[in-house]
Amino acid sequence: MKSFPVGEFKACFSDIMEQVRAGEEIIITYGKKKEKLAVIIPYAAYKGKGIKLGLLKDKPLTFKNFEMTEDEFLGL
């Protein structure tokens, strides 16, 4: 995974997009400390990492030995 500071990313945008198209993941950094700001990944990789909702939909869920007063629940 390669990383580029914002200024270099802006200057080499087309070249970096070609790298992404080829399957490379790119980190965009910012500032003197090179804080990681964003990651650019190919769309196919993004599309394949979908969030699965409702994993427990048809499974029973029980809590054992769970006791809480209304005040504890409300944070009082």
Foldseek 3Di string as FASTA:
>chain_A
DEEDEPVVCVVCVVVVVVVQVVFDKYWYFYDPVRHTDDIDHRVVVVVVPDDDPDPCVPPDDDDPPDDDDPCVVVVD
